[in-house]
């Protein structure tokens, strides 16, 4: 084999080694799985063995949200609304009148939170007596219209009565009305659930686009070593010939 050919082959081999060890990994083409209505972390078991669904009312940033806002619960399950910040309430409505209290519906009263670092938080716990939809909202001024609404057991047979459509109706609803008296549940103070310990972020289920610095340094070092090896081999061949 002629010398130029040998040198060329060694150079190509070195380049291939450097590319193989130093090229960035391709991003996965698999999309993240869609989040369930009620995350597993927000469902626990009460002291009497009944499934307990925890719902955050607002968060440490004071957002006008229920999280999760779309809950699926069986008959006999309990749903606990944990008030994390601000001054909010939970009021039951009908689908057609999203910011108005329904007759004999649930009402927690208003829960004013003075500190977001307290070890316990106010809670309002209800028992799900059947699987009929329970539409609810916050009666604080403007909160319902801003999208602070939710539903327990949205009807699967009615494709128009969804949480998204309920929010749309609430946006144009007249001023919110609170319930007349606290009813339909029990008020207490509880330790925040594990799901309430940190507020969810929009990027929690999205792979990070930020490169890993340590991994980048390792790849750069490996790439340089591969080129150095190719150089040594080439120089040795030159000496031999």
Protein backbone atom coordinates (compact mmCIF):
# COMPACT_ATOMS: atom_id res chain seq x y z
CA UNK A 1 0.00 0.00 0.00
CA UNK A 2 1.39 3.42 -0.88
CA UNK A 3 2.31 5.89 1.87
CA UNK A 4 -0.29 8.60 0.95
CA UNK A 5 -3.02 5.98 1.10
CA UNK A 6 -1.91 4.78 4.54
CA UNK A 7 -1.75 8.33 5.91
CA UNK A 8 -5.18 9.13 4.51
CA UNK A 9 -6.74 6.00 6.03
CA UNK A 10 -5.28 6.79 9.46
CA UNK A 11 -6.54 10.37 9.33
CA UNK A 12 -10.02 9.19 8.40
CA UNK A 13 -9.97 6.64 11.21
CA UNK A 14 -9.02 9.31 13.71
CA UNK A 15 -11.80 11.56 12.48
CA UNK A 16 -14.33 8.74 12.75
CA UNK A 17 -13.28 8.03 16.33
CA UNK A 18 -13.59 11.72 17.25
CA UNK A 19 -17.01 12.02 15.63
CA UNK A 20 -18.29 8.85 17.26
CA UNK A 21 -17.32 9.92 20.78
CA UNK A 22 -17.82 13.63 20.48
CA UNK A 23 -21.07 14.09 18.55
CA UNK A 24 -24.05 15.23 20.62
CA UNK A 25 -26.75 12.64 21.26
CA UNK A 26 -29.87 12.94 19.17
CA UNK A 27 -32.99 14.11 20.97
CA UNK A 28 -35.61 11.44 21.53
CA UNK A 29 -38.45 11.56 19.05
CA UNK A 30 -40.84 10.04 21.60
CA UNK A 31 -43.31 12.63 22.87
CA UNK A 32 -43.91 12.77 26.65
CA UNK A 33 -47.06 11.00 27.79
CA UNK A 34 -50.09 13.18 28.39
CA UNK A 35 -50.78 14.01 32.03
CA UNK A 36 -53.70 12.23 33.66
CA UNK A 37 -56.64 14.17 35.01
CA UNK A 38 -55.71 13.47 38.61
CA UNK A 39 -52.00 12.79 39.09
CA UNK A 40 -51.04 9.76 41.15
CA UNK A 41 -49.15 12.01 43.58
CA UNK A 42 -52.37 13.88 44.47
CA UNK A 43 -54.32 10.77 45.51
CA UNK A 44 -53.68 9.35 48.98
CA UNK A 45 -55.66 7.34 51.49
CA UNK A 46 -57.51 8.96 54.38
CA UNK A 47 -57.25 7.71 57.96
CA UNK A 48 -60.38 5.61 57.46
CA UNK A 49 -59.03 3.96 54.29
CA UNK A 50 -60.98 6.06 51.78
CA UNK A 51 -59.18 7.40 48.67
CA UNK A 52 -58.40 11.09 49.21
CA UNK A 53 -57.88 13.38 46.19
CA UNK A 54 -55.87 16.51 47.04
CA UNK A 55 -56.53 19.69 45.06
CA UNK A 56 -54.32 22.75 45.42
CA UNK A 57 -56.19 26.04 45.63
CA UNK A 58 -53.80 28.63 44.15
CA UNK A 59 -50.05 28.17 44.73
CA UNK A 60 -47.02 29.93 46.20
CA UNK A 61 -47.14 32.42 43.32
CA UNK A 62 -50.77 33.35 44.01
CA UNK A 63 -52.09 32.04 40.69
CA UNK A 64 -55.83 31.78 40.12
CA UNK A 65 -55.88 28.02 39.65
CA UNK A 66 -57.14 24.73 41.02
CA UNK A 67 -54.58 22.00 40.52
CA UNK A 68 -55.65 19.56 39.30
CA UNK A 69 -58.81 21.20 37.98
CA UNK A 70 -60.21 18.06 36.33
CA UNK A 71 -60.69 15.30 38.90
CA UNK A 72 -62.07 11.80 38.49
CA UNK A 73 -63.33 10.30 41.75
CA UNK A 74 -65.42 7.24 42.57
CA UNK A 75 -68.51 7.24 44.74
CA UNK A 76 -67.42 7.40 48.36
CA UNK A 77 -64.04 9.03 47.60
CA UNK A 78 -63.06 12.24 49.35
CA UNK A 79 -61.75 15.41 47.70
CA UNK A 80 -59.69 17.78 49.82
CA UNK A 81 -59.15 21.37 48.70
CA UNK A 82 -55.94 22.76 50.21
CA UNK A 83 -55.69 26.57 50.29
CA UNK A 84 -52.07 27.56 49.72
CA UNK A 85 -52.14 31.35 49.29
CA UNK A 86 -54.32 34.42 48.77
CA UNK A 87 -58.01 34.56 49.68
CA UNK A 88 -60.07 32.00 47.80
CA UNK A 89 -63.13 29.80 48.09
CA UNK A 90 -64.72 26.72 46.54
CA UNK A 91 -68.33 27.04 45.41
CA UNK A 92 -70.42 24.53 43.49
CA UNK A 93 -72.29 25.73 40.41
CA UNK A 94 -74.05 24.25 37.42
CA UNK A 95 -72.38 23.91 34.05
CA UNK A 96 -74.64 26.53 32.46
CA UNK A 97 -74.06 29.13 35.21
CA UNK A 98 -70.38 28.77 36.09
CA UNK A 99 -69.99 31.66 38.54
CA UNK A 100 -73.30 31.34 40.39
CA UNK A 101 -73.90 29.01 43.38
CA UNK A 102 -76.15 26.03 42.86
CA UNK A 103 -78.93 25.24 45.32
CA UNK A 104 -77.68 23.05 48.19
CA UNK A 105 -74.23 22.97 46.64
CA UNK A 106 -70.87 22.98 48.40
CA UNK A 107 -69.34 26.21 49.75
CA UNK A 108 -66.10 26.35 51.71
CA UNK A 109 -66.29 29.97 52.81
CA UNK A 110 -63.38 32.31 52.07
CA UNK A 111 -59.94 31.19 53.22
CA UNK A 112 -57.49 34.05 53.72
CA UNK A 113 -53.85 32.89 53.89
CA UNK A 114 -51.46 35.25 55.68
CA UNK A 115 -48.30 33.17 55.21
CA UNK A 116 -47.26 30.68 52.54
CA UNK A 117 -44.61 29.14 54.82
CA UNK A 118 -47.01 27.82 57.49
CA UNK A 119 -46.66 24.12 58.37
CA UNK A 120 -50.42 23.61 58.06
CA UNK A 121 -52.96 25.06 55.63
CA UNK A 122 -56.74 25.43 55.69
CA UNK A 123 -58.60 22.66 53.89
CA UNK A 124 -62.15 21.93 52.83
CA UNK A 125 -62.97 18.25 52.40
CA UNK A 126 -66.03 16.84 50.68
CA UNK A 127 -67.32 13.31 50.12
CA UNK A 128 -68.32 12.33 46.58
CA UNK A 129 -71.81 10.92 47.00
CA UNK A 130 -72.26 9.86 43.36
CA UNK A 131 -70.51 10.19 40.02
CA UNK A 132 -72.61 13.11 38.78
CA UNK A 133 -70.51 16.14 37.70
CA UNK A 134 -69.59 18.68 40.38
CA UNK A 135 -68.67 21.97 38.72
CA UNK A 136 -66.97 24.46 41.02
CA UNK A 137 -65.32 27.89 41.06
CA UNK A 138 -63.72 30.51 43.29
CA UNK A 139 -66.17 33.27 44.23
CA UNK A 140 -63.52 35.92 44.86
CA UNK A 141 -64.11 38.96 42.62
CA UNK A 142 -62.96 38.22 39.08
CA UNK A 143 -61.35 34.85 39.83
CA UNK A 144 -64.01 32.66 38.23
CA UNK A 145 -64.00 34.83 35.11
CA UNK A 146 -60.18 34.53 35.02
CA UNK A 147 -60.46 30.76 34.75
CA UNK A 148 -60.34 29.65 38.40
CA UNK A 149 -62.84 26.84 37.90
CA UNK A 150 -62.83 23.05 37.99
CA UNK A 151 -64.88 19.90 37.81
CA UNK A 152 -65.16 16.56 39.56
CA UNK A 153 -66.33 13.77 37.22
CA UNK A 154 -66.90 15.68 34.00
CA UNK A 155 -69.53 13.78 31.96
CA UNK A 156 -67.92 11.35 29.51
CA UNK A 157 -71.16 11.04 27.55
CA UNK A 158 -71.44 14.77 26.84
CA UNK A 159 -68.51 15.91 24.71
CA UNK A 160 -69.51 19.58 24.94
CA UNK A 161 -69.51 19.76 28.73
CA UNK A 162 -65.76 19.84 29.21
CA UNK A 163 -63.57 21.84 31.55
CA UNK A 164 -62.27 23.88 28.61
CA UNK A 165 -65.80 24.86 27.56
CA UNK A 166 -66.71 25.56 31.19
CA UNK A 167 -63.81 28.04 31.38
CA UNK A 168 -65.04 29.71 28.21
CA UNK A 169 -68.51 30.16 29.71
CA UNK A 170 -66.99 31.51 32.92
CA UNK A 171 -64.98 34.12 31.04
CA UNK A 172 -68.17 35.94 30.00
CA UNK A 173 -70.19 35.18 33.15
CA UNK A 174 -71.76 37.94 35.30
CA UNK A 175 -70.09 38.89 38.61
CA UNK A 176 -69.48 35.90 40.89
CA UNK A 177 -71.74 35.13 43.84
CA UNK A 178 -70.63 33.19 46.90
CA UNK A 179 -72.68 30.61 48.74
CA UNK A 180 -74.97 31.72 51.55
CA UNK A 181 -73.51 29.45 54.24
CA UNK A 182 -70.62 27.00 54.53
CA UNK A 183 -72.01 23.60 53.59
CA UNK A 184 -71.32 20.32 51.86
CA UNK A 185 -67.95 19.66 53.48
CA UNK A 186 -65.71 20.00 56.51
CA UNK A 187 -63.17 22.75 57.18
CA UNK A 188 -59.91 21.84 58.92
CA UNK A 189 -56.18 22.53 59.01
CA UNK A 190 -53.92 19.96 57.38
CA UNK A 191 -50.32 19.40 56.40
CA UNK A 192 -49.97 20.21 52.70
CA UNK A 193 -49.98 17.07 50.56
CA UNK A 194 -46.83 15.94 48.78
CA UNK A 195 -48.25 17.31 45.53
CA UNK A 196 -48.63 20.74 47.15
CA UNK A 197 -45.06 20.94 48.40
CA UNK A 198 -43.89 22.55 45.17
CA UNK A 199 -45.87 24.37 42.54
CA UNK A 200 -46.06 22.63 39.14
CA UNK A 201 -44.26 24.24 36.25
CA UNK A 202 -45.06 24.18 32.57
CA UNK A 203 -41.73 22.55 31.77
CA UNK A 204 -42.01 19.71 34.30
CA UNK A 205 -42.80 17.08 31.62
CA UNK A 206 -40.69 18.62 28.82
CA UNK A 207 -37.09 17.43 28.26
CA UNK A 208 -34.64 20.23 29.09
CA UNK A 209 -32.94 22.01 26.19
CA UNK A 210 -30.06 23.14 28.43
CA UNK A 211 -26.87 21.20 27.67
CA UNK A 212 -25.19 19.20 30.39
CA UNK A 213 -21.89 21.04 31.07
CA UNK A 214 -20.02 18.04 32.51
CA UNK A 215 -21.07 15.85 29.60
CA UNK A 216 -19.88 18.53 27.15
CA UNK A 217 -16.42 18.68 28.77
CA UNK A 218 -16.09 14.88 28.66
CA UNK A 219 -17.00 14.76 24.98
CA UNK A 220 -14.56 17.55 24.11
CA UNK A 221 -11.74 15.78 25.97
CA UNK A 222 -12.50 12.46 24.25
CA UNK A 223 -12.57 14.16 20.86
CA UNK A 224 -9.17 15.79 21.42
CA UNK A 225 -7.65 12.48 22.56
CA UNK A 226 -8.92 10.72 19.44
CA UNK A 227 -7.33 13.29 17.13
CA UNK A 228 -4.06 13.08 19.11
CA UNK A 229 -4.03 9.29 18.68
CA UNK A 230 -4.56 9.67 14.94
CA UNK A 231 -1.61 12.10 14.81
CA UNK A 232 0.70 9.71 16.68
CA UNK A 233 -0.20 6.82 14.37
CA UNK A 234 0.40 8.94 11.27
CA UNK A 235 3.78 10.16 12.55
CA UNK A 236 4.81 6.55 13.33
CA UNK A 237 3.95 5.44 9.80
CA UNK A 238 5.99 8.31 8.38
CA UNK A 239 9.01 7.26 10.44
CA UNK A 240 8.56 3.63 9.35
CA UNK A 241 8.48 4.49 5.68
